[in-house]
Amino acid sequence: MTNMKKIAVSLALACTAMGAQADDISLPAGNVEVIDGAGAFSRLITGNHSGDTFTDTYAFDLSGISSFTASLYSSAGNAKVGLDITGFGLYANDGTLVRAGSQLLTGKYDEWSLDLSNVASGTGYYVAVTGSVVSQAAGAYSGLVSVSAVPEPATYGMLLGGMALLGVAARRRSQAK
């Protein structure tokens, strides 16, 4: 009988340990609709268990060589509730990390920043938000994406040529007086 009790206790402990493992609560891939150079994304996480993890991705396209900026914010009642954001980055569609974000604040507020100039045009970029649930209390994050066109070298050449013509015209005007 003693052996049966040991086996039953061992089995109960094993089942409990398996049930206590963290779950992956990642969202299916989402999209960021970039309108007039800006887009937003967010998520509210409620009713999950402490230790649950997530990696949420938000895809977008670039029509030309661009300057890319993104910010991510998370807020909690204190550092022991809500979410802990552990990563933020820009990825190419094939999963290659283009640039990792920089963590500016952690604790009651999490803040991340991501800046990159001259991102190649094309489809297939996404930002990924990685983190874990700290408690059963609700947690949320929100992010902003900003994309602006980077002028091509020909545009700079035309600008310099125009400035040179203005300089020549100003010089001729001053010599004519």
N, C-alpha and C. Protein backbone atom coordinates (compact mmCIF):
# COMPACT_ATOMS: atom_id res chain seq x y z
N MET A 1 0.81 -1.19 0.00
CA MET A 1 0.00 0.00 0.00
C MET A 1 0.86 1.26 0.00
N THR A 2 1.97 1.23 0.66
CA THR A 2 2.83 2.39 0.75
C THR A 2 3.34 2.76 -0.64
N ASN A 3 3.69 1.77 -1.44
CA ASN A 3 4.16 2.05 -2.79
C ASN A 3 3.06 2.68 -3.64
N MET A 4 1.83 2.23 -3.47
CA MET A 4 0.70 2.79 -4.22
C MET A 4 0.48 4.26 -3.86
N LYS A 5 0.65 4.60 -2.57
CA LYS A 5 0.49 5.98 -2.13
C LYS A 5 1.59 6.84 -2.73
N LYS A 6 2.81 6.34 -2.76
CA LYS A 6 3.94 7.08 -3.33
C LYS A 6 3.70 7.34 -4.81
N ILE A 7 3.21 6.32 -5.52
CA ILE A 7 2.95 6.47 -6.95
C ILE A 7 1.83 7.49 -7.17
N ALA A 8 0.78 7.41 -6.37
CA ALA A 8 -0.34 8.33 -6.50
C ALA A 8 0.10 9.78 -6.22
N VAL A 9 0.91 9.98 -5.18
CA VAL A 9 1.41 11.31 -4.85
C VAL A 9 2.32 11.82 -5.96
N SER A 10 3.19 10.97 -6.48
CA SER A 10 4.09 11.36 -7.57
C SER A 10 3.30 11.75 -8.80
N LEU A 11 2.29 10.98 -9.12
CA LEU A 11 1.45 11.27 -10.28
C LEU A 11 0.70 12.59 -10.10
N ALA A 12 0.18 12.83 -8.91
CA ALA A 12 -0.53 14.08 -8.63
C ALA A 12 0.41 15.28 -8.75
N LEU A 13 1.63 15.14 -8.21
CA LEU A 13 2.60 16.23 -8.32
C LEU A 13 2.99 16.49 -9.76
N ALA A 14 3.17 15.44 -10.54
CA ALA A 14 3.52 15.60 -11.95
C ALA A 14 2.41 16.31 -12.71
N CYS A 15 1.16 15.94 -12.45
CA CYS A 15 0.03 16.60 -13.11
C CYS A 15 -0.07 18.06 -12.71
N THR A 16 0.17 18.35 -11.45
CA THR A 16 0.14 19.73 -10.97
C THR A 16 1.23 20.55 -11.63
N ALA A 17 2.43 19.98 -11.72
CA ALA A 17 3.54 20.69 -12.34
C ALA A 17 3.27 20.95 -13.81
N MET A 18 2.65 19.98 -14.49
CA MET A 18 2.33 20.18 -15.90
C MET A 18 1.28 21.26 -16.07
N GLY A 19 0.33 21.33 -15.17
CA GLY A 19 -0.72 22.35 -15.26
C GLY A 19 -0.20 23.74 -14.93
N ALA A 20 0.91 23.84 -14.22
CA ALA A 20 1.45 25.12 -13.80
C ALA A 20 2.36 25.73 -14.86
N GLN A 21 2.62 25.03 -15.95
CA GLN A 21 3.49 25.56 -16.98
C GLN A 21 2.84 26.77 -17.64
N ALA A 22 3.69 27.67 -18.10
CA ALA A 22 3.20 28.87 -18.75
C ALA A 22 2.62 28.52 -20.12
N ASP A 23 1.57 29.23 -20.49
CA ASP A 23 0.95 29.06 -21.79
C ASP A 23 1.44 30.15 -22.74
N ASP A 24 1.44 29.83 -24.03
CA ASP A 24 1.73 30.82 -25.06
C ASP A 24 0.40 31.45 -25.45
N ILE A 25 0.25 32.74 -25.19
CA ILE A 25 -1.01 33.44 -25.48
C ILE A 25 -0.82 34.43 -26.62
N SER A 26 0.09 34.13 -27.54
CA SER A 26 0.34 35.01 -28.68
C SER A 26 -0.89 35.14 -29.55
N LEU A 27 -1.07 36.33 -30.09
CA LEU A 27 -2.15 36.57 -31.04
C LEU A 27 -1.74 36.08 -32.41
N PRO A 28 -2.71 35.72 -33.27
CA PRO A 28 -2.36 35.47 -34.67
C PRO A 28 -1.80 36.76 -35.26
N ALA A 29 -1.00 36.64 -36.31
CA ALA A 29 -0.38 37.81 -36.92
C ALA A 29 -1.43 38.85 -37.28
N GLY A 30 -1.16 40.10 -36.94
CA GLY A 30 -2.05 41.21 -37.26
C GLY A 30 -1.40 42.13 -38.27
N ASN A 31 -2.12 43.16 -38.67
CA ASN A 31 -1.61 44.14 -39.61
C ASN A 31 -1.68 45.53 -39.01
N VAL A 32 -0.73 46.37 -39.40
CA VAL A 32 -0.77 47.78 -39.07
C VAL A 32 -1.12 48.51 -40.35
N GLU A 33 -2.22 49.22 -40.34
CA GLU A 33 -2.59 50.00 -41.52
C GLU A 33 -1.92 51.36 -41.41
N VAL A 34 -0.92 51.57 -42.27
CA VAL A 34 -0.17 52.81 -42.27
C VAL A 34 -0.86 53.78 -43.22
N ILE A 35 -1.45 54.84 -42.65
CA ILE A 35 -2.16 55.86 -43.43
C ILE A 35 -1.46 57.19 -43.19
N ASP A 36 -1.12 57.86 -44.29
CA ASP A 36 -0.41 59.14 -44.21
C ASP A 36 0.84 59.03 -43.35
N GLY A 37 1.53 57.89 -43.44
CA GLY A 37 2.81 57.71 -42.77
C GLY A 37 2.74 57.27 -41.32
N ALA A 38 1.54 56.96 -40.81
CA ALA A 38 1.43 56.56 -39.40
C ALA A 38 0.43 55.43 -39.23
N GLY A 39 0.68 54.59 -38.24
CA GLY A 39 -0.23 53.50 -37.91
C GLY A 39 -0.11 53.16 -36.44
N ALA A 40 -1.08 52.42 -35.92
CA ALA A 40 -1.09 52.08 -34.50
C ALA A 40 -1.51 50.62 -34.31
N PHE A 41 -1.10 50.06 -33.18
CA PHE A 41 -1.49 48.71 -32.80
C PHE A 41 -1.58 48.65 -31.28
N SER A 42 -2.37 47.71 -30.75
CA SER A 42 -2.50 47.60 -29.29
C SER A 42 -3.08 46.24 -28.94
N ARG A 43 -2.98 45.91 -27.66
CA ARG A 43 -3.58 44.68 -27.15
C ARG A 43 -3.88 44.83 -25.67
N LEU A 44 -5.06 44.34 -25.27
CA LEU A 44 -5.46 44.25 -23.87
C LEU A 44 -5.45 42.78 -23.50
N ILE A 45 -4.74 42.43 -22.43
CA ILE A 45 -4.63 41.05 -21.98
C ILE A 45 -5.28 40.94 -20.62
N THR A 46 -6.30 40.09 -20.51
CA THR A 46 -7.01 39.91 -19.25
C THR A 46 -7.23 38.43 -18.96
N GLY A 47 -7.34 38.09 -17.69
CA GLY A 47 -7.71 36.74 -17.27
C GLY A 47 -6.69 35.66 -17.54
N ASN A 48 -5.44 36.01 -17.72
CA ASN A 48 -4.41 35.02 -17.94
C ASN A 48 -3.64 34.76 -16.66
N HIS A 49 -2.80 33.77 -16.70
CA HIS A 49 -2.04 33.38 -15.51
C HIS A 49 -0.65 33.97 -15.53
N SER A 50 -0.13 34.25 -14.37
CA SER A 50 1.22 34.75 -14.24
C SER A 50 2.18 33.77 -14.90
N GLY A 51 3.09 34.29 -15.70
CA GLY A 51 4.06 33.46 -16.39
C GLY A 51 3.70 33.15 -17.82
N ASP A 52 2.44 33.38 -18.23
CA ASP A 52 2.07 33.18 -19.63
C ASP A 52 2.91 34.13 -20.49
N THR A 53 3.29 33.68 -21.67
CA THR A 53 4.15 34.47 -22.55
C THR A 53 3.45 34.75 -23.87
N PHE A 54 3.95 35.77 -24.58
CA PHE A 54 3.38 36.10 -25.88
C PHE A 54 4.44 36.72 -26.78
N THR A 55 4.27 36.52 -28.06
CA THR A 55 5.00 37.22 -29.11
C THR A 55 3.96 37.58 -30.16
N ASP A 56 3.57 38.84 -30.17
CA ASP A 56 2.55 39.33 -31.10
C ASP A 56 3.25 40.05 -32.25
N THR A 57 2.78 39.80 -33.47
CA THR A 57 3.40 40.43 -34.65
C THR A 57 2.36 41.26 -35.39
N TYR A 58 2.83 42.38 -35.94
CA TYR A 58 1.98 43.31 -36.68
C TYR A 58 2.71 43.67 -37.97
N ALA A 59 2.14 43.26 -39.11
CA ALA A 59 2.79 43.41 -40.41
C ALA A 59 2.38 44.71 -41.10
N PHE A 60 3.25 45.19 -42.01
CA PHE A 60 2.97 46.37 -42.83
C PHE A 60 3.88 46.32 -44.05
N ASP A 61 3.59 47.15 -45.04
CA ASP A 61 4.37 47.23 -46.28
C ASP A 61 4.97 48.62 -46.42
N LEU A 62 6.10 48.69 -47.13
CA LEU A 62 6.73 49.96 -47.44
C LEU A 62 6.76 50.11 -48.96
N SER A 63 6.36 51.27 -49.46
CA SER A 63 6.31 51.47 -50.90
C SER A 63 7.61 52.04 -51.46
N GLY A 64 8.47 52.57 -50.64
CA GLY A 64 9.74 53.12 -51.09
C GLY A 64 10.73 53.10 -49.94
N ILE A 65 11.96 53.48 -50.23
CA ILE A 65 12.96 53.55 -49.16
C ILE A 65 12.46 54.53 -48.13
N SER A 66 12.47 54.10 -46.87
CA SER A 66 11.81 54.89 -45.83
C SER A 66 12.64 54.99 -44.57
N SER A 67 12.31 56.01 -43.81
CA SER A 67 12.79 56.15 -42.45
C SER A 67 11.69 55.58 -41.56
N PHE A 68 12.06 54.72 -40.60
CA PHE A 68 11.07 54.00 -39.80
C PHE A 68 11.29 54.32 -38.33
N THR A 69 10.21 54.67 -37.64
CA THR A 69 10.25 54.92 -36.20
C THR A 69 9.05 54.22 -35.57
N ALA A 70 9.28 53.56 -34.45
CA ALA A 70 8.18 52.92 -33.72
C ALA A 70 8.40 53.12 -32.23
N SER A 71 7.30 53.25 -31.51
CA SER A 71 7.32 53.38 -30.06
C SER A 71 6.33 52.40 -29.48
N LEU A 72 6.66 51.85 -28.31
CA LEU A 72 5.79 50.89 -27.64
C LEU A 72 5.67 51.30 -26.18
N TYR A 73 4.45 51.28 -25.65
CA TYR A 73 4.20 51.68 -24.27
C TYR A 73 3.34 50.63 -23.58
N SER A 74 3.64 50.37 -22.32
CA SER A 74 2.84 49.48 -21.49
C SER A 74 2.74 50.10 -20.11
N SER A 75 1.56 49.99 -19.50
CA SER A 75 1.34 50.59 -18.19
C SER A 75 0.71 49.58 -17.26
N ALA A 76 1.09 49.62 -15.99
CA ALA A 76 0.53 48.73 -14.98
C ALA A 76 0.30 49.53 -13.70
N GLY A 77 -0.52 48.99 -12.80
CA GLY A 77 -0.77 49.64 -11.52
C GLY A 77 0.50 49.78 -10.71
N ASN A 78 1.33 48.76 -10.75
CA ASN A 78 2.67 48.82 -10.17
C ASN A 78 3.51 47.78 -10.89
N ALA A 79 4.76 47.64 -10.54
CA ALA A 79 5.66 46.76 -11.27
C ALA A 79 5.32 45.28 -11.11
N LYS A 80 4.41 44.92 -10.19
CA LYS A 80 4.11 43.52 -9.93
C LYS A 80 2.81 43.05 -10.56
N VAL A 81 2.14 43.90 -11.33
CA VAL A 81 0.91 43.48 -12.00
C VAL A 81 0.99 43.84 -13.48
N GLY A 82 0.12 43.21 -14.26
CA GLY A 82 0.04 43.55 -15.68
C GLY A 82 1.02 42.75 -16.52
N LEU A 83 1.78 43.46 -17.35
CA LEU A 83 2.67 42.84 -18.32
C LEU A 83 4.11 43.25 -18.10
N ASP A 84 5.02 42.40 -18.56
CA ASP A 84 6.43 42.73 -18.62
C ASP A 84 6.84 42.59 -20.08
N ILE A 85 7.07 43.70 -20.76
CA ILE A 85 7.49 43.66 -22.16
C ILE A 85 8.99 43.37 -22.17
N THR A 86 9.38 42.30 -22.85
CA THR A 86 10.79 41.86 -22.84
C THR A 86 11.49 42.06 -24.18
N GLY A 87 10.75 42.38 -25.22
CA GLY A 87 11.38 42.58 -26.52
C GLY A 87 10.49 43.32 -27.48
N PHE A 88 11.13 44.07 -28.39
CA PHE A 88 10.44 44.83 -29.41
C PHE A 88 11.40 44.98 -30.57
N GLY A 89 10.99 44.58 -31.76
CA GLY A 89 11.91 44.65 -32.88
C GLY A 89 11.22 44.72 -34.23
N LEU A 90 12.00 45.13 -35.24
CA LEU A 90 11.54 45.18 -36.63
C LEU A 90 12.15 43.98 -37.34
N TYR A 91 11.29 43.22 -38.04
CA TYR A 91 11.72 42.01 -38.73
C TYR A 91 11.32 42.07 -40.19
N ALA A 92 12.15 41.43 -41.04
CA ALA A 92 11.77 41.21 -42.44
C ALA A 92 10.80 40.03 -42.46
N ASN A 93 10.05 39.90 -43.53
CA ASN A 93 9.03 38.86 -43.62
C ASN A 93 9.60 37.45 -43.45
N ASP A 94 10.86 37.25 -43.78
CA ASP A 94 11.48 35.92 -43.65
C ASP A 94 11.93 35.62 -42.22
N GLY A 95 11.64 36.52 -41.27
CA GLY A 95 12.00 36.30 -39.88
C GLY A 95 13.34 36.88 -39.47
N THR A 96 14.04 37.52 -40.40
CA THR A 96 15.33 38.13 -40.09
C THR A 96 15.14 39.41 -39.29
N LEU A 97 15.84 39.51 -38.17
CA LEU A 97 15.78 40.72 -37.36
C LEU A 97 16.49 41.85 -38.09
N VAL A 98 15.76 42.94 -38.36
CA VAL A 98 16.33 44.12 -39.00
C VAL A 98 16.95 45.03 -37.95
N ARG A 99 16.21 45.28 -36.88
CA ARG A 99 16.72 46.12 -35.78
C ARG A 99 15.93 45.82 -34.52
N ALA A 100 16.65 45.63 -33.42
CA ALA A 100 16.01 45.45 -32.11
C ALA A 100 15.72 46.81 -31.50
N GLY A 101 14.63 46.90 -30.78
CA GLY A 101 14.28 48.14 -30.11
C GLY A 101 15.12 48.36 -28.87
N SER A 102 15.08 49.57 -28.37
CA SER A 102 15.79 49.94 -27.14
C SER A 102 14.79 50.16 -26.03
N GLN A 103 15.03 49.54 -24.88
CA GLN A 103 14.14 49.73 -23.73
C GLN A 103 14.54 51.01 -23.02
N LEU A 104 13.57 51.92 -22.89
CA LEU A 104 13.83 53.21 -22.25
C LEU A 104 13.40 53.21 -20.79
N LEU A 105 12.31 52.50 -20.47
CA LEU A 105 11.80 52.39 -19.10
C LEU A 105 11.32 50.98 -18.85
N THR A 106 11.40 50.52 -17.59
CA THR A 106 10.81 49.25 -17.21
C THR A 106 10.29 49.37 -15.79
N GLY A 107 9.30 48.57 -15.45
CA GLY A 107 8.69 48.63 -14.12
C GLY A 107 7.21 48.95 -14.25
N LYS A 108 6.77 49.98 -13.56
CA LYS A 108 5.36 50.38 -13.63
C LYS A 108 4.98 50.73 -15.06
N TYR A 109 5.87 51.37 -15.78
CA TYR A 109 5.70 51.69 -17.19
C TYR A 109 6.83 51.05 -17.97
N ASP A 110 6.50 50.43 -19.08
CA ASP A 110 7.51 49.95 -20.01
C ASP A 110 7.45 50.85 -21.24
N GLU A 111 8.61 51.27 -21.71
CA GLU A 111 8.68 52.08 -22.92
C GLU A 111 9.83 51.59 -23.78
N TRP A 112 9.54 51.39 -25.05
CA TRP A 112 10.53 50.93 -26.02
C TRP A 112 10.54 51.87 -27.21
N SER A 113 11.69 52.01 -27.84
CA SER A 113 11.83 52.86 -29.02
C SER A 113 12.61 52.10 -30.09
N LEU A 114 12.27 52.38 -31.34
CA LEU A 114 12.92 51.72 -32.47
C LEU A 114 13.04 52.73 -33.60
N ASP A 115 14.26 53.07 -33.98
CA ASP A 115 14.51 54.04 -35.05
C ASP A 115 15.45 53.44 -36.07
N LEU A 116 15.12 53.64 -37.33
CA LEU A 116 15.94 53.09 -38.41
C LEU A 116 15.75 53.94 -39.65
N SER A 117 16.84 54.40 -40.23
CA SER A 117 16.73 55.15 -41.48
C SER A 117 17.10 54.24 -42.65
N ASN A 118 16.61 54.57 -43.80
CA ASN A 118 16.88 53.84 -45.04
C ASN A 118 16.48 52.38 -44.99
N VAL A 119 15.24 52.12 -44.62
CA VAL A 119 14.69 50.77 -44.68
C VAL A 119 14.31 50.51 -46.13
N ALA A 120 14.75 49.40 -46.70
CA ALA A 120 14.49 49.09 -48.10
C ALA A 120 12.99 48.95 -48.36
N SER A 121 12.59 49.34 -49.56
CA SER A 121 11.18 49.23 -49.92
C SER A 121 10.81 47.77 -50.15
N GLY A 122 9.52 47.52 -50.12
CA GLY A 122 9.03 46.18 -50.40
C GLY A 122 7.99 45.75 -49.38
N THR A 123 7.43 44.62 -49.67
CA THR A 123 6.43 44.08 -48.77
C THR A 123 7.13 43.20 -47.76
N GLY A 124 6.45 42.96 -46.68
CA GLY A 124 6.95 41.97 -45.75
C GLY A 124 7.82 42.46 -44.62
N TYR A 125 7.37 43.44 -43.88
CA TYR A 125 8.00 43.82 -42.63
C TYR A 125 6.98 43.64 -41.52
N TYR A 126 7.48 43.39 -40.31
CA TYR A 126 6.57 43.36 -39.16
C TYR A 126 7.32 43.75 -37.91
N VAL A 127 6.57 44.31 -36.95
CA VAL A 127 7.12 44.56 -35.62
C VAL A 127 6.63 43.44 -34.73
N ALA A 128 7.49 43.00 -33.82
CA ALA A 128 7.13 41.94 -32.88
C ALA A 128 7.25 42.47 -31.46
N VAL A 129 6.23 42.19 -30.66
CA VAL A 129 6.19 42.56 -29.25
C VAL A 129 6.24 41.26 -28.45
N THR A 130 7.25 41.12 -27.59
CA THR A 130 7.44 39.92 -26.78
C THR A 130 7.32 40.29 -25.32
N GLY A 131 6.67 39.42 -24.56
CA GLY A 131 6.54 39.71 -23.14
C GLY A 131 5.93 38.57 -22.38
N SER A 132 5.64 38.84 -21.11
CA SER A 132 5.02 37.85 -20.25
C SER A 132 4.01 38.53 -19.33
N VAL A 133 3.08 37.72 -18.86
CA VAL A 133 2.06 38.20 -17.93
C VAL A 133 2.65 38.11 -16.52
N VAL A 134 2.55 39.18 -15.77
CA VAL A 134 3.11 39.23 -14.42
C VAL A 134 2.10 38.78 -13.37
N SER A 135 0.81 39.02 -13.63
CA SER A 135 -0.23 38.63 -12.69
C SER A 135 -1.55 38.48 -13.44
N GLN A 136 -2.60 38.08 -12.73
CA GLN A 136 -3.90 37.96 -13.37
C GLN A 136 -4.56 39.30 -13.64
N ALA A 137 -4.02 40.37 -13.09
CA ALA A 137 -4.57 41.69 -13.35
C ALA A 137 -4.39 42.02 -14.83
N ALA A 138 -5.31 42.80 -15.37
CA ALA A 138 -5.25 43.16 -16.79
C ALA A 138 -3.99 43.97 -17.09
N GLY A 139 -3.50 43.80 -18.29
CA GLY A 139 -2.37 44.57 -18.77
C GLY A 139 -2.60 44.93 -20.22
N ALA A 140 -1.99 46.01 -20.67
CA ALA A 140 -2.17 46.44 -22.05
C ALA A 140 -0.89 47.06 -22.56
N TYR A 141 -0.74 47.00 -23.87
CA TYR A 141 0.34 47.74 -24.52
C TYR A 141 -0.23 48.41 -25.76
N SER A 142 0.42 49.46 -26.19
CA SER A 142 0.04 50.13 -27.43
C SER A 142 1.31 50.63 -28.11
N GLY A 143 1.24 50.68 -29.41
CA GLY A 143 2.41 51.09 -30.17
C GLY A 143 2.04 51.97 -31.34
N LEU A 144 3.01 52.76 -31.77
CA LEU A 144 2.85 53.65 -32.90
C LEU A 144 3.97 53.37 -33.89
N VAL A 145 3.63 53.39 -35.17
CA VAL A 145 4.59 53.22 -36.25
C VAL A 145 4.54 54.47 -37.11
N SER A 146 5.71 55.01 -37.45
CA SER A 146 5.79 56.18 -38.30
C SER A 146 6.77 55.88 -39.43
N VAL A 147 6.33 56.12 -40.66
CA VAL A 147 7.15 55.85 -41.84
C VAL A 147 7.18 57.12 -42.67
N SER A 148 8.37 57.56 -43.06
CA SER A 148 8.48 58.72 -43.94
C SER A 148 9.46 58.40 -45.06
N ALA A 149 9.16 58.92 -46.23
CA ALA A 149 9.99 58.65 -47.41
C ALA A 149 11.35 59.32 -47.25
N VAL A 150 12.37 58.63 -47.70
CA VAL A 150 13.72 59.17 -47.72
C VAL A 150 14.00 59.61 -49.16
N PRO A 151 14.37 60.86 -49.38
CA PRO A 151 14.61 61.32 -50.75
C PRO A 151 15.74 60.52 -51.41
N GLU A 152 15.57 60.28 -52.71
CA GLU A 152 16.60 59.55 -53.47
C GLU A 152 17.73 60.51 -53.81
N PRO A 153 18.91 60.00 -54.15
CA PRO A 153 20.05 60.86 -54.48
C PRO A 153 19.75 61.84 -55.61
N ALA A 154 18.93 61.46 -56.58
CA ALA A 154 18.60 62.36 -57.68
C ALA A 154 17.87 63.60 -57.16
N THR A 155 17.07 63.43 -56.12
CA THR A 155 16.35 64.57 -55.52
C THR A 155 17.35 65.55 -54.91
N TYR A 156 18.37 65.02 -54.23
CA TYR A 156 19.39 65.90 -53.66
C TYR A 156 20.16 66.61 -54.77
N GLY A 157 20.43 65.92 -55.87
CA GLY A 157 21.14 66.53 -57.00
C GLY A 157 20.34 67.69 -57.58
N MET A 158 19.03 67.49 -57.74
CA MET A 158 18.18 68.55 -58.26
C MET A 158 18.14 69.73 -57.29
N LEU A 159 18.12 69.45 -56.00
CA LEU A 159 18.12 70.52 -55.00
C LEU A 159 19.41 71.34 -55.08
N LEU A 160 20.53 70.66 -55.16
CA LEU A 160 21.82 71.37 -55.25
C LEU A 160 21.91 72.16 -56.55
N GLY A 161 21.43 71.57 -57.66
CA GLY A 161 21.44 72.28 -58.95
C GLY A 161 20.59 73.54 -58.89
N GLY A 162 19.42 73.44 -58.28
CA GLY A 162 18.53 74.61 -58.14
C GLY A 162 19.17 75.69 -57.29
N MET A 163 19.83 75.26 -56.20
CA MET A 163 20.50 76.25 -55.34
C MET A 163 21.64 76.93 -56.10
N ALA A 164 22.36 76.18 -56.95
CA ALA A 164 23.46 76.77 -57.73
C ALA A 164 22.90 77.80 -58.72
N LEU A 165 21.78 77.47 -59.37
CA LEU A 165 21.17 78.42 -60.30
C LEU A 165 20.72 79.69 -59.58
N LEU A 166 20.16 79.54 -58.39
CA LEU A 166 19.77 80.72 -57.61
C LEU A 166 20.99 81.56 -57.26
N GLY A 167 22.09 80.90 -56.93
CA GLY A 167 23.32 81.62 -56.61
C GLY A 167 23.86 82.39 -57.80
N VAL A 168 23.83 81.76 -58.99
CA VAL A 168 24.29 82.43 -60.22
C VAL A 168 23.40 83.63 -60.52
N ALA A 169 22.07 83.45 -60.40
CA ALA A 169 21.14 84.55 -60.68
C ALA A 169 21.35 85.70 -59.70
N ALA A 170 21.59 85.39 -58.44
CA ALA A 170 21.83 86.45 -57.44
C ALA A 170 23.13 87.17 -57.72
N ARG A 171 24.13 86.45 -58.16
CA ARG A 171 25.44 87.07 -58.45
C ARG A 171 25.30 88.00 -59.67
N ARG A 172 24.60 87.56 -60.70
CA ARG A 172 24.41 88.40 -61.89
C ARG A 172 23.63 89.65 -61.53
N ARG A 173 22.63 89.49 -60.68
CA ARG A 173 21.81 90.63 -60.29
C ARG A 173 22.66 91.65 -59.53
N SER A 174 23.55 91.17 -58.64
CA SER A 174 24.37 92.10 -57.86
C SER A 174 25.44 92.75 -58.76
N GLN A 175 25.92 92.07 -59.79
CA GLN A 175 26.91 92.65 -60.70
C GLN A 175 26.27 93.68 -61.62
N ALA A 176 24.98 93.51 -61.94
CA ALA A 176 24.27 94.44 -62.84
C ALA A 176 23.99 95.78 -62.15
N LYS A 177 23.99 95.84 -60.87
CA LYS A 177 23.68 97.09 -60.16
C LYS A 177 24.78 98.02 -60.16
